[in-house]
Amino acid sequence: MKKWMYLIAPTLMLGAFMFLYLAESKEAEIKEKARAAEIAKTKAQEAEKKKIAEEKARLDSAKRAAERAAEDAKREADKLAKREAESKRIQDDTEKYLADSAAQTKKISDLEAQLESARKSKDQASRESFDLLKQVERAKVERRNAEVEIARLTEMLARRASDSSMTRMPTPVIPAAK
């Protein structure tokens, strides 16, 4: 019997355990189903809330997008108007400066023509002055040459006259000493 004790006690305990286990597992299964149903209900409520929040967010986002688009359109229109005004101002300034440039170019060409005529008259006056100086120097050279020629002719005449017998005095005849 001792041997059977080893088999009967664990079997009874197993039976008791199985009884308690099955009872508890059914209870646990019921609690798990209730908990799952509650979780599903909460998830459904959260999903509904999330759906409502997403719809509000989508509407709000669409509204903000429309406002942003309106602001962007207004900003672009302002930027375009400003750019056009700046472009017109630049075009007006360009035309003004081109007209001023044309007037200054005409003035420059007139002044260059005056400068060229002044240079020509200066060159002409310099040439005339140089020609006059040249004539004066030539006259001085001719005068020196004439003076040298006169001096040479005078000297030649003086030499001929001194060499000529007519200009010599006759040798005095000395009476012969007796």
N, C-alpha and C. Protein backbone atom coordinates (compact mmCIF):
# COMPACT_ATOMS: atom_id res chain seq x y z
N MET A 1 0.77 -1.15 0.00
CA MET A 1 0.00 0.00 0.00
C MET A 1 0.83 1.24 0.00
N LYS A 2 1.94 1.09 0.53
CA LYS A 2 2.80 2.23 0.52
C LYS A 2 3.12 2.65 -0.89
N LYS A 3 3.18 1.67 -1.72
CA LYS A 3 3.52 2.00 -3.08
C LYS A 3 2.38 2.77 -3.72
N TRP A 4 1.17 2.41 -3.35
CA TRP A 4 0.03 3.04 -3.96
C TRP A 4 -0.11 4.46 -3.45
N MET A 5 0.49 4.72 -2.33
CA MET A 5 0.41 6.05 -1.75
C MET A 5 1.10 7.05 -2.66
N TYR A 6 2.16 6.53 -3.20
CA TYR A 6 2.91 7.41 -4.08
C TYR A 6 2.11 7.74 -5.34
N LEU A 7 1.19 6.97 -5.70
CA LEU A 7 0.44 7.18 -6.90
C LEU A 7 -0.89 7.85 -6.59
N ILE A 8 -1.51 7.54 -5.48
CA ILE A 8 -2.83 8.05 -5.16
C ILE A 8 -2.73 9.51 -4.74
N ALA A 9 -1.80 9.86 -3.93
CA ALA A 9 -1.69 11.24 -3.45
C ALA A 9 -1.47 12.20 -4.61
N PRO A 10 -0.52 11.94 -5.46
CA PRO A 10 -0.37 12.89 -6.57
C PRO A 10 -1.57 12.90 -7.49
N THR A 11 -2.27 11.80 -7.68
CA THR A 11 -3.41 11.76 -8.56
C THR A 11 -4.53 12.58 -7.95
N LEU A 12 -4.73 12.44 -6.62
CA LEU A 12 -5.75 13.24 -5.97
C LEU A 12 -5.41 14.73 -6.06
N MET A 13 -4.18 15.01 -5.82
CA MET A 13 -3.76 16.41 -5.93
C MET A 13 -3.94 16.91 -7.35
N LEU A 14 -3.64 16.03 -8.33
CA LEU A 14 -3.80 16.41 -9.74
C LEU A 14 -5.26 16.64 -10.03
N GLY A 15 -6.13 15.78 -9.48
CA GLY A 15 -7.56 15.92 -9.69
C GLY A 15 -8.05 17.23 -9.09
N ALA A 16 -7.59 17.50 -7.84
CA ALA A 16 -7.99 18.75 -7.19
C ALA A 16 -7.47 19.94 -7.98
N PHE A 17 -6.25 19.81 -8.43
CA PHE A 17 -5.66 20.90 -9.20
C PHE A 17 -6.42 21.11 -10.48
N MET A 18 -6.80 20.00 -11.16
CA MET A 18 -7.51 20.11 -12.42
C MET A 18 -8.87 20.75 -12.19
N PHE A 19 -9.56 20.35 -11.09
CA PHE A 19 -10.85 20.93 -10.78
C PHE A 19 -10.71 22.43 -10.57
N LEU A 20 -9.76 22.80 -9.71
CA LEU A 20 -9.56 24.23 -9.44
C LEU A 20 -9.08 24.97 -10.70
N TYR A 21 -8.22 24.33 -11.47
CA TYR A 21 -7.66 24.96 -12.66
C TYR A 21 -8.74 25.22 -13.69
N LEU A 22 -9.59 24.21 -13.91
CA LEU A 22 -10.63 24.39 -14.90
C LEU A 22 -11.62 25.46 -14.44
N ALA A 23 -11.94 25.48 -13.19
CA ALA A 23 -12.86 26.49 -12.69
C ALA A 23 -12.25 27.88 -12.83
N GLU A 24 -11.02 27.97 -12.44
CA GLU A 24 -10.34 29.26 -12.54
C GLU A 24 -10.12 29.67 -13.99
N SER A 25 -9.78 28.72 -14.86
CA SER A 25 -9.53 29.07 -16.25
C SER A 25 -10.81 29.55 -16.92
N LYS A 26 -11.99 28.93 -16.55
CA LYS A 26 -13.25 29.42 -17.11
C LYS A 26 -13.52 30.83 -16.61
N GLU A 27 -13.27 31.03 -15.33
CA GLU A 27 -13.45 32.38 -14.76
C GLU A 27 -12.50 33.36 -15.42
N ALA A 28 -11.23 32.92 -15.58
CA ALA A 28 -10.23 33.80 -16.20
C ALA A 28 -10.61 34.08 -17.65
N GLU A 29 -11.15 33.08 -18.35
CA GLU A 29 -11.56 33.26 -19.73
C GLU A 29 -12.70 34.27 -19.81
N ILE A 30 -13.66 34.17 -18.86
CA ILE A 30 -14.78 35.11 -18.82
C ILE A 30 -14.25 36.52 -18.53
N LYS A 31 -13.34 36.60 -17.55
CA LYS A 31 -12.77 37.91 -17.23
C LYS A 31 -11.99 38.46 -18.43
N GLU A 32 -11.26 37.55 -19.11
CA GLU A 32 -10.46 37.98 -20.28
C GLU A 32 -11.38 38.47 -21.38
N LYS A 33 -12.49 37.78 -21.61
CA LYS A 33 -13.45 38.21 -22.63
C LYS A 33 -14.06 39.54 -22.26
N ALA A 34 -14.38 39.71 -20.95
CA ALA A 34 -14.96 40.99 -20.49
C ALA A 34 -13.93 42.11 -20.66
N ARG A 35 -12.67 41.76 -20.28
CA ARG A 35 -11.61 42.76 -20.43
C ARG A 35 -11.37 43.11 -21.90
N ALA A 36 -11.39 42.09 -22.78
CA ALA A 36 -11.21 42.31 -24.22
C ALA A 36 -12.35 43.15 -24.77
N ALA A 37 -13.57 42.87 -24.31
CA ALA A 37 -14.72 43.64 -24.78
C ALA A 37 -14.59 45.09 -24.32
N GLU A 38 -14.14 45.25 -23.06
CA GLU A 38 -13.96 46.61 -22.54
C GLU A 38 -12.86 47.34 -23.34
N ILE A 39 -11.77 46.62 -23.59
CA ILE A 39 -10.68 47.23 -24.38
C ILE A 39 -11.17 47.57 -25.77
N ALA A 40 -11.95 46.67 -26.39
CA ALA A 40 -12.49 46.93 -27.73
C ALA A 40 -13.41 48.14 -27.69
N LYS A 41 -14.23 48.21 -26.61
CA LYS A 41 -15.13 49.36 -26.47
C LYS A 41 -14.33 50.64 -26.34
N THR A 42 -13.25 50.62 -25.48
CA THR A 42 -12.43 51.82 -25.29
C THR A 42 -11.72 52.19 -26.60
N LYS A 43 -11.24 51.14 -27.31
CA LYS A 43 -10.57 51.42 -28.58
C LYS A 43 -11.53 52.03 -29.58
N ALA A 44 -12.78 51.54 -29.58
CA ALA A 44 -13.80 52.08 -30.48
C ALA A 44 -14.09 53.53 -30.11
N GLN A 45 -14.20 53.80 -28.80
CA GLN A 45 -14.44 55.19 -28.37
C GLN A 45 -13.25 56.07 -28.76
N GLU A 46 -12.03 55.54 -28.51
CA GLU A 46 -10.84 56.32 -28.86
C GLU A 46 -10.75 56.53 -30.37
N ALA A 47 -11.10 55.48 -31.12
CA ALA A 47 -11.10 55.60 -32.58
C ALA A 47 -12.10 56.65 -33.02
N GLU A 48 -13.28 56.66 -32.39
CA GLU A 48 -14.29 57.67 -32.72
C GLU A 48 -13.79 59.07 -32.39
N LYS A 49 -13.20 59.19 -31.18
CA LYS A 49 -12.64 60.49 -30.79
C LYS A 49 -11.53 60.92 -31.76
N LYS A 50 -10.69 59.93 -32.10
CA LYS A 50 -9.58 60.23 -33.02
C LYS A 50 -10.12 60.64 -34.38
N LYS A 51 -11.18 59.94 -34.83
CA LYS A 51 -11.79 60.27 -36.12
C LYS A 51 -12.35 61.69 -36.09
N ILE A 52 -13.04 62.03 -34.98
CA ILE A 52 -13.59 63.38 -34.83
C ILE A 52 -12.47 64.41 -34.79
N ALA A 53 -11.40 64.11 -34.04
CA ALA A 53 -10.26 65.04 -33.93
C ALA A 53 -9.58 65.21 -35.29
N GLU A 54 -9.44 64.09 -36.02
CA GLU A 54 -8.83 64.17 -37.35
C GLU A 54 -9.69 65.00 -38.29
N GLU A 55 -10.99 64.84 -38.20
CA GLU A 55 -11.89 65.63 -39.05
C GLU A 55 -11.76 67.12 -38.71
N LYS A 56 -11.72 67.42 -37.38
CA LYS A 56 -11.54 68.82 -36.96
C LYS A 56 -10.19 69.34 -37.46
N ALA A 57 -9.16 68.50 -37.30
CA ALA A 57 -7.81 68.91 -37.73
C ALA A 57 -7.78 69.12 -39.24
N ARG A 58 -8.45 68.23 -39.99
CA ARG A 58 -8.48 68.37 -41.44
C ARG A 58 -9.18 69.67 -41.83
N LEU A 59 -10.32 69.96 -41.18
CA LEU A 59 -11.05 71.20 -41.46
C LEU A 59 -10.19 72.41 -41.09
N ASP A 60 -9.58 72.33 -39.90
CA ASP A 60 -8.72 73.43 -39.45
C ASP A 60 -7.53 73.61 -40.39
N SER A 61 -6.95 72.47 -40.81
CA SER A 61 -5.81 72.51 -41.73
C SER A 61 -6.23 73.11 -43.07
N ALA A 62 -7.39 72.73 -43.56
CA ALA A 62 -7.88 73.28 -44.82
C ALA A 62 -8.11 74.78 -44.70
N LYS A 63 -8.68 75.18 -43.54
CA LYS A 63 -8.93 76.60 -43.31
C LYS A 63 -7.60 77.36 -43.28
N ARG A 64 -6.61 76.81 -42.51
CA ARG A 64 -5.30 77.47 -42.44
C ARG A 64 -4.60 77.49 -43.79
N ALA A 65 -4.76 76.40 -44.55
CA ALA A 65 -4.16 76.35 -45.88
C ALA A 65 -4.77 77.41 -46.78
N ALA A 66 -6.09 77.59 -46.68
CA ALA A 66 -6.76 78.63 -47.47
C ALA A 66 -6.27 80.01 -47.06
N GLU A 67 -6.18 80.22 -45.73
CA GLU A 67 -5.67 81.52 -45.25
C GLU A 67 -4.24 81.74 -45.72
N ARG A 68 -3.40 80.69 -45.60
CA ARG A 68 -2.00 80.81 -46.02
C ARG A 68 -1.92 81.09 -47.52
N ALA A 69 -2.77 80.41 -48.29
CA ALA A 69 -2.79 80.62 -49.74
C ALA A 69 -3.19 82.06 -50.06
N ALA A 70 -4.19 82.57 -49.32
CA ALA A 70 -4.62 83.95 -49.52
C ALA A 70 -3.49 84.91 -49.16
N GLU A 71 -2.82 84.63 -48.02
CA GLU A 71 -1.69 85.48 -47.63
C GLU A 71 -0.57 85.41 -48.66
N ASP A 72 -0.27 84.20 -49.14
CA ASP A 72 0.78 84.04 -50.15
C ASP A 72 0.41 84.78 -51.43
N ALA A 73 -0.86 84.67 -51.84
CA ALA A 73 -1.30 85.37 -53.05
C ALA A 73 -1.17 86.88 -52.86
N LYS A 74 -1.58 87.36 -51.67
CA LYS A 74 -1.47 88.79 -51.40
C LYS A 74 0.00 89.21 -51.39
N ARG A 75 0.86 88.40 -50.74
CA ARG A 75 2.28 88.71 -50.67
C ARG A 75 2.90 88.73 -52.07
N GLU A 76 2.51 87.74 -52.89
CA GLU A 76 3.01 87.68 -54.27
C GLU A 76 2.53 88.90 -55.07
N ALA A 77 1.25 89.28 -54.88
CA ALA A 77 0.72 90.46 -55.58
C ALA A 77 1.48 91.70 -55.15
N ASP A 78 1.73 91.84 -53.83
CA ASP A 78 2.49 92.99 -53.33
C ASP A 78 3.90 92.98 -53.89
N LYS A 79 4.51 91.80 -53.88
CA LYS A 79 5.88 91.68 -54.39
C LYS A 79 5.94 92.04 -55.87
N LEU A 80 4.94 91.55 -56.62
CA LEU A 80 4.88 91.83 -58.05
C LEU A 80 4.67 93.32 -58.29
N ALA A 81 3.78 93.94 -57.52
CA ALA A 81 3.54 95.38 -57.66
C ALA A 81 4.81 96.16 -57.32
N LYS A 82 5.46 95.74 -56.25
CA LYS A 82 6.71 96.42 -55.85
C LYS A 82 7.77 96.25 -56.94
N ARG A 83 7.88 95.03 -57.48
CA ARG A 83 8.87 94.76 -58.53
C ARG A 83 8.57 95.60 -59.77
N GLU A 84 7.29 95.70 -60.12
CA GLU A 84 6.91 96.50 -61.29
C GLU A 84 7.21 97.98 -61.06
N ALA A 85 6.92 98.46 -59.85
CA ALA A 85 7.21 99.86 -59.53
C ALA A 85 8.72 100.10 -59.60
N GLU A 86 9.48 99.18 -59.05
CA GLU A 86 10.95 99.30 -59.08
C GLU A 86 11.45 99.24 -60.53
N SER A 87 10.86 98.35 -61.32
CA SER A 87 11.24 98.23 -62.73
C SER A 87 10.94 99.53 -63.48
N LYS A 88 9.76 100.11 -63.20
CA LYS A 88 9.39 101.37 -63.86
C LYS A 88 10.34 102.49 -63.44
N ARG A 89 10.68 102.53 -62.14
CA ARG A 89 11.61 103.56 -61.66
C ARG A 89 12.97 103.39 -62.33
N ILE A 90 13.42 102.15 -62.44
CA ILE A 90 14.72 101.89 -63.09
C ILE A 90 14.66 102.29 -64.56
N GLN A 91 13.54 101.96 -65.22
CA GLN A 91 13.39 102.31 -66.64
C GLN A 91 13.39 103.84 -66.81
N ASP A 92 12.66 104.54 -65.94
CA ASP A 92 12.64 106.01 -66.01
C ASP A 92 14.03 106.59 -65.77
N ASP A 93 14.72 106.07 -64.75
CA ASP A 93 16.09 106.53 -64.47
C ASP A 93 17.00 106.25 -65.65
N THR A 94 16.83 105.08 -66.25
CA THR A 94 17.66 104.71 -67.40
C THR A 94 17.43 105.67 -68.56
N GLU A 95 16.16 105.96 -68.84
CA GLU A 95 15.85 106.88 -69.93
C GLU A 95 16.41 108.27 -69.63
N LYS A 96 16.27 108.70 -68.38
CA LYS A 96 16.79 110.02 -67.99
C LYS A 96 18.31 110.06 -68.17
N TYR A 97 18.97 109.01 -67.69
CA TYR A 97 20.44 108.99 -67.79
C TYR A 97 20.90 108.83 -69.23
N LEU A 98 20.12 108.11 -70.06
CA LEU A 98 20.48 108.00 -71.47
C LEU A 98 20.36 109.35 -72.17
N ALA A 99 19.29 110.09 -71.83
CA ALA A 99 19.13 111.42 -72.42
C ALA A 99 20.26 112.34 -71.95
N ASP A 100 20.57 112.27 -70.66
CA ASP A 100 21.68 113.06 -70.12
C ASP A 100 22.99 112.66 -70.78
N SER A 101 23.16 111.37 -70.98
CA SER A 101 24.38 110.86 -71.62
C SER A 101 24.50 111.38 -73.05
N ALA A 102 23.36 111.39 -73.77
CA ALA A 102 23.37 111.89 -75.15
C ALA A 102 23.75 113.37 -75.16
N ALA A 103 23.18 114.14 -74.22
CA ALA A 103 23.51 115.57 -74.15
C ALA A 103 24.98 115.77 -73.81
N GLN A 104 25.48 114.97 -72.86
CA GLN A 104 26.89 115.09 -72.48
C GLN A 104 27.80 114.65 -73.63
N THR A 105 27.38 113.64 -74.38
CA THR A 105 28.17 113.18 -75.53
C THR A 105 28.25 114.29 -76.58
N LYS A 106 27.12 114.96 -76.83
CA LYS A 106 27.12 116.07 -77.79
C LYS A 106 28.03 117.18 -77.28
N LYS A 107 27.93 117.48 -76.00
CA LYS A 107 28.77 118.53 -75.41
C LYS A 107 30.25 118.14 -75.54
N ILE A 108 30.54 116.86 -75.29
CA ILE A 108 31.93 116.38 -75.39
C ILE A 108 32.42 116.51 -76.83
N SER A 109 31.59 116.15 -77.80
CA SER A 109 32.01 116.25 -79.20
C SER A 109 32.24 117.72 -79.58
N ASP A 110 31.36 118.62 -79.08
CA ASP A 110 31.57 120.06 -79.34
C ASP A 110 32.88 120.54 -78.72
N LEU A 111 33.11 120.13 -77.46
CA LEU A 111 34.36 120.54 -76.80
C LEU A 111 35.58 119.95 -77.50
N GLU A 112 35.46 118.71 -77.97
CA GLU A 112 36.57 118.10 -78.71
C GLU A 112 36.84 118.86 -80.01
N ALA A 113 35.75 119.29 -80.69
CA ALA A 113 35.92 120.07 -81.92
C ALA A 113 36.61 121.39 -81.60
N GLN A 114 36.18 122.04 -80.50
CA GLN A 114 36.83 123.30 -80.10
C GLN A 114 38.30 123.05 -79.76
N LEU A 115 38.55 121.97 -79.05
CA LEU A 115 39.92 121.63 -78.68
C LEU A 115 40.77 121.37 -79.92
N GLU A 116 40.20 120.66 -80.88
CA GLU A 116 40.93 120.38 -82.12
C GLU A 116 41.24 121.67 -82.88
N SER A 117 40.25 122.58 -82.96
CA SER A 117 40.49 123.85 -83.66
C SER A 117 41.53 124.69 -82.89
N ALA A 118 41.46 124.64 -81.54
CA ALA A 118 42.46 125.37 -80.74
C ALA A 118 43.85 124.77 -80.97
N ARG A 119 43.93 123.45 -81.04
CA ARG A 119 45.23 122.81 -81.31
C ARG A 119 45.75 123.18 -82.68
N LYS A 120 44.84 123.19 -83.67
CA LYS A 120 45.25 123.56 -85.03
C LYS A 120 45.76 125.00 -85.07
N SER A 121 45.02 125.90 -84.40
CA SER A 121 45.47 127.31 -84.41
C SER A 121 46.78 127.45 -83.65
N LYS A 122 46.95 126.67 -82.57
CA LYS A 122 48.22 126.70 -81.82
C LYS A 122 49.35 126.18 -82.69
N ASP A 123 49.08 125.05 -83.38
CA ASP A 123 50.11 124.50 -84.28
C ASP A 123 50.44 125.49 -85.39
N GLN A 124 49.41 126.15 -85.92
CA GLN A 124 49.62 127.15 -86.98
C GLN A 124 50.46 128.30 -86.44
N ALA A 125 50.11 128.77 -85.22
CA ALA A 125 50.87 129.88 -84.64
C ALA A 125 52.30 129.44 -84.35
N SER A 126 52.47 128.21 -83.89
CA SER A 126 53.82 127.70 -83.63
C SER A 126 54.61 127.61 -84.93
N ARG A 127 53.98 127.13 -86.00
CA ARG A 127 54.66 127.05 -87.30
C ARG A 127 55.06 128.44 -87.79
N GLU A 128 54.10 129.37 -87.68
CA GLU A 128 54.39 130.73 -88.14
C GLU A 128 55.54 131.33 -87.32
N SER A 129 55.49 131.10 -86.01
CA SER A 129 56.56 131.61 -85.14
C SER A 129 57.89 130.97 -85.52
N PHE A 130 57.86 129.65 -85.74
CA PHE A 130 59.08 128.94 -86.13
C PHE A 130 59.60 129.45 -87.47
N ASP A 131 58.66 129.65 -88.43
CA ASP A 131 59.07 130.18 -89.74
C ASP A 131 59.69 131.56 -89.61
N LEU A 132 59.07 132.40 -88.76
CA LEU A 132 59.61 133.75 -88.55
C LEU A 132 61.00 133.68 -87.90
N LEU A 133 61.15 132.84 -86.90
CA LEU A 133 62.47 132.67 -86.26
C LEU A 133 63.48 132.14 -87.27
N LYS A 134 63.02 131.23 -88.12
CA LYS A 134 63.90 130.68 -89.15
C LYS A 134 64.34 131.79 -90.11
N GLN A 135 63.39 132.65 -90.50
CA GLN A 135 63.73 133.76 -91.40
C GLN A 135 64.71 134.71 -90.72
N VAL A 136 64.48 134.97 -89.41
CA VAL A 136 65.37 135.88 -88.68
C VAL A 136 66.78 135.28 -88.63
N GLU A 137 66.86 133.99 -88.30
CA GLU A 137 68.17 133.34 -88.23
C GLU A 137 68.83 133.31 -89.60
N ARG A 138 68.05 133.04 -90.64
CA ARG A 138 68.60 133.04 -91.99
C ARG A 138 69.13 134.42 -92.35
N ALA A 139 68.35 135.46 -91.97
CA ALA A 139 68.80 136.84 -92.26
C ALA A 139 70.08 137.13 -91.51
N LYS A 140 70.18 136.67 -90.24
CA LYS A 140 71.41 136.89 -89.46
C LYS A 140 72.59 136.17 -90.12
N VAL A 141 72.33 134.92 -90.57
CA VAL A 141 73.41 134.17 -91.23
C VAL A 141 73.83 134.86 -92.52
N GLU A 142 72.85 135.30 -93.30
CA GLU A 142 73.16 135.99 -94.56
C GLU A 142 73.92 137.28 -94.27
N ARG A 143 73.52 137.98 -93.21
CA ARG A 143 74.22 139.24 -92.85
C ARG A 143 75.66 138.92 -92.46
N ARG A 144 75.87 137.87 -91.64
CA ARG A 144 77.24 137.50 -91.26
C ARG A 144 78.05 137.11 -92.50
N ASN A 145 77.38 136.30 -93.35
CA ASN A 145 78.08 135.90 -94.59
C ASN A 145 78.44 137.13 -95.42
N ALA A 146 77.52 138.12 -95.50
CA ALA A 146 77.78 139.34 -96.27
C ALA A 146 78.92 140.13 -95.63
N GLU A 147 78.91 140.20 -94.29
CA GLU A 147 79.97 140.93 -93.59
C GLU A 147 81.33 140.26 -93.82
N VAL A 148 81.30 138.91 -93.75
CA VAL A 148 82.55 138.17 -94.00
C VAL A 148 83.00 138.39 -95.43
N GLU A 149 82.06 138.37 -96.36
CA GLU A 149 82.40 138.59 -97.77
C GLU A 149 82.96 140.00 -97.97
N ILE A 150 82.34 140.99 -97.31
CA ILE A 150 82.83 142.38 -97.43
C ILE A 150 84.22 142.47 -96.84
N ALA A 151 84.41 141.81 -95.69
CA ALA A 151 85.73 141.85 -95.06
C ALA A 151 86.75 141.16 -95.97
N ARG A 152 86.40 140.06 -96.60
CA ARG A 152 87.32 139.37 -97.50
C ARG A 152 87.65 140.22 -98.71
N LEU A 153 86.61 140.84 -99.29
CA LEU A 153 86.85 141.70 -100.44
C LEU A 153 87.71 142.91 -100.06
N THR A 154 87.43 143.45 -98.89
CA THR A 154 88.22 144.61 -98.45
C THR A 154 89.66 144.19 -98.27
N GLU A 155 89.85 143.03 -97.68
CA GLU A 155 91.23 142.58 -97.46
C GLU A 155 91.91 142.27 -98.78
N MET A 156 91.17 141.69 -99.70
CA MET A 156 91.75 141.40 -100.99
C MET A 156 92.13 142.68 -101.71
N LEU A 157 91.27 143.68 -101.63
CA LEU A 157 91.58 144.96 -102.27
C LEU A 157 92.78 145.61 -101.59
N ALA A 158 92.81 145.46 -100.29
CA ALA A 158 93.94 146.06 -99.57
C ALA A 158 95.22 145.33 -99.96
N ARG A 159 95.21 144.04 -100.10
CA ARG A 159 96.41 143.29 -100.48
C ARG A 159 96.83 143.65 -101.91
N ARG A 160 95.86 143.74 -102.81
CA ARG A 160 96.19 144.10 -104.19
C ARG A 160 96.73 145.52 -104.23
N ALA A 161 96.11 146.33 -103.44
CA ALA A 161 96.57 147.71 -103.47
C ALA A 161 97.98 147.78 -102.89
N SER A 162 98.26 146.99 -101.87
CA SER A 162 99.61 147.04 -101.31
C SER A 162 100.61 146.38 -102.24
N ASP A 163 100.15 145.41 -103.00
CA ASP A 163 101.05 144.75 -103.95
C ASP A 163 101.21 145.58 -105.22
N SER A 164 100.36 146.45 -105.47
CA SER A 164 100.40 147.22 -106.71
C SER A 164 101.55 148.24 -106.66
N SER A 165 102.17 148.47 -107.77
CA SER A 165 103.29 149.40 -107.84
C SER A 165 102.81 150.83 -107.74
N MET A 166 101.64 151.07 -107.99
CA MET A 166 101.15 152.44 -107.95
C MET A 166 100.99 152.92 -106.53
N THR A 167 100.80 152.03 -105.72
CA THR A 167 100.59 152.45 -104.36
C THR A 167 101.90 152.50 -103.63
N ARG A 168 103.00 152.06 -104.28
CA ARG A 168 104.28 152.09 -103.60
C ARG A 168 104.93 153.44 -103.84
N MET A 169 105.64 153.72 -102.91
CA MET A 169 106.37 154.98 -103.07
C MET A 169 107.62 154.69 -103.89
N PRO A 170 107.93 155.60 -104.71
CA PRO A 170 109.15 155.38 -105.48
C PRO A 170 110.33 155.38 -104.53
N THR A 171 111.22 154.58 -104.83
CA THR A 171 112.38 154.50 -103.98
C THR A 171 113.15 155.82 -104.14
N PRO A 172 113.53 156.36 -103.10
CA PRO A 172 114.21 157.66 -103.22
C PRO A 172 115.60 157.43 -103.84
N VAL A 173 115.88 158.23 -104.66
CA VAL A 173 117.17 158.18 -105.30
C VAL A 173 118.13 158.92 -104.36
N ILE A 174 119.09 158.25 -103.98
CA ILE A 174 120.05 158.86 -103.10
C ILE A 174 121.15 159.39 -104.03
N PRO A 175 121.52 160.60 -103.84
CA PRO A 175 122.58 161.13 -104.68
C PRO A 175 123.85 160.36 -104.38
N ALA A 176 124.54 160.20 -105.29
CA ALA A 176 125.75 159.42 -105.19
C ALA A 176 126.81 160.25 -104.47
N ALA A 177 127.36 159.62 -103.71
CA ALA A 177 128.34 160.30 -102.91
C ALA A 177 129.57 160.51 -103.75
N LYS A 178 129.94 161.54 -103.76
CA LYS A 178 131.07 161.94 -104.52
C LYS A 178 132.22 161.95 -103.69
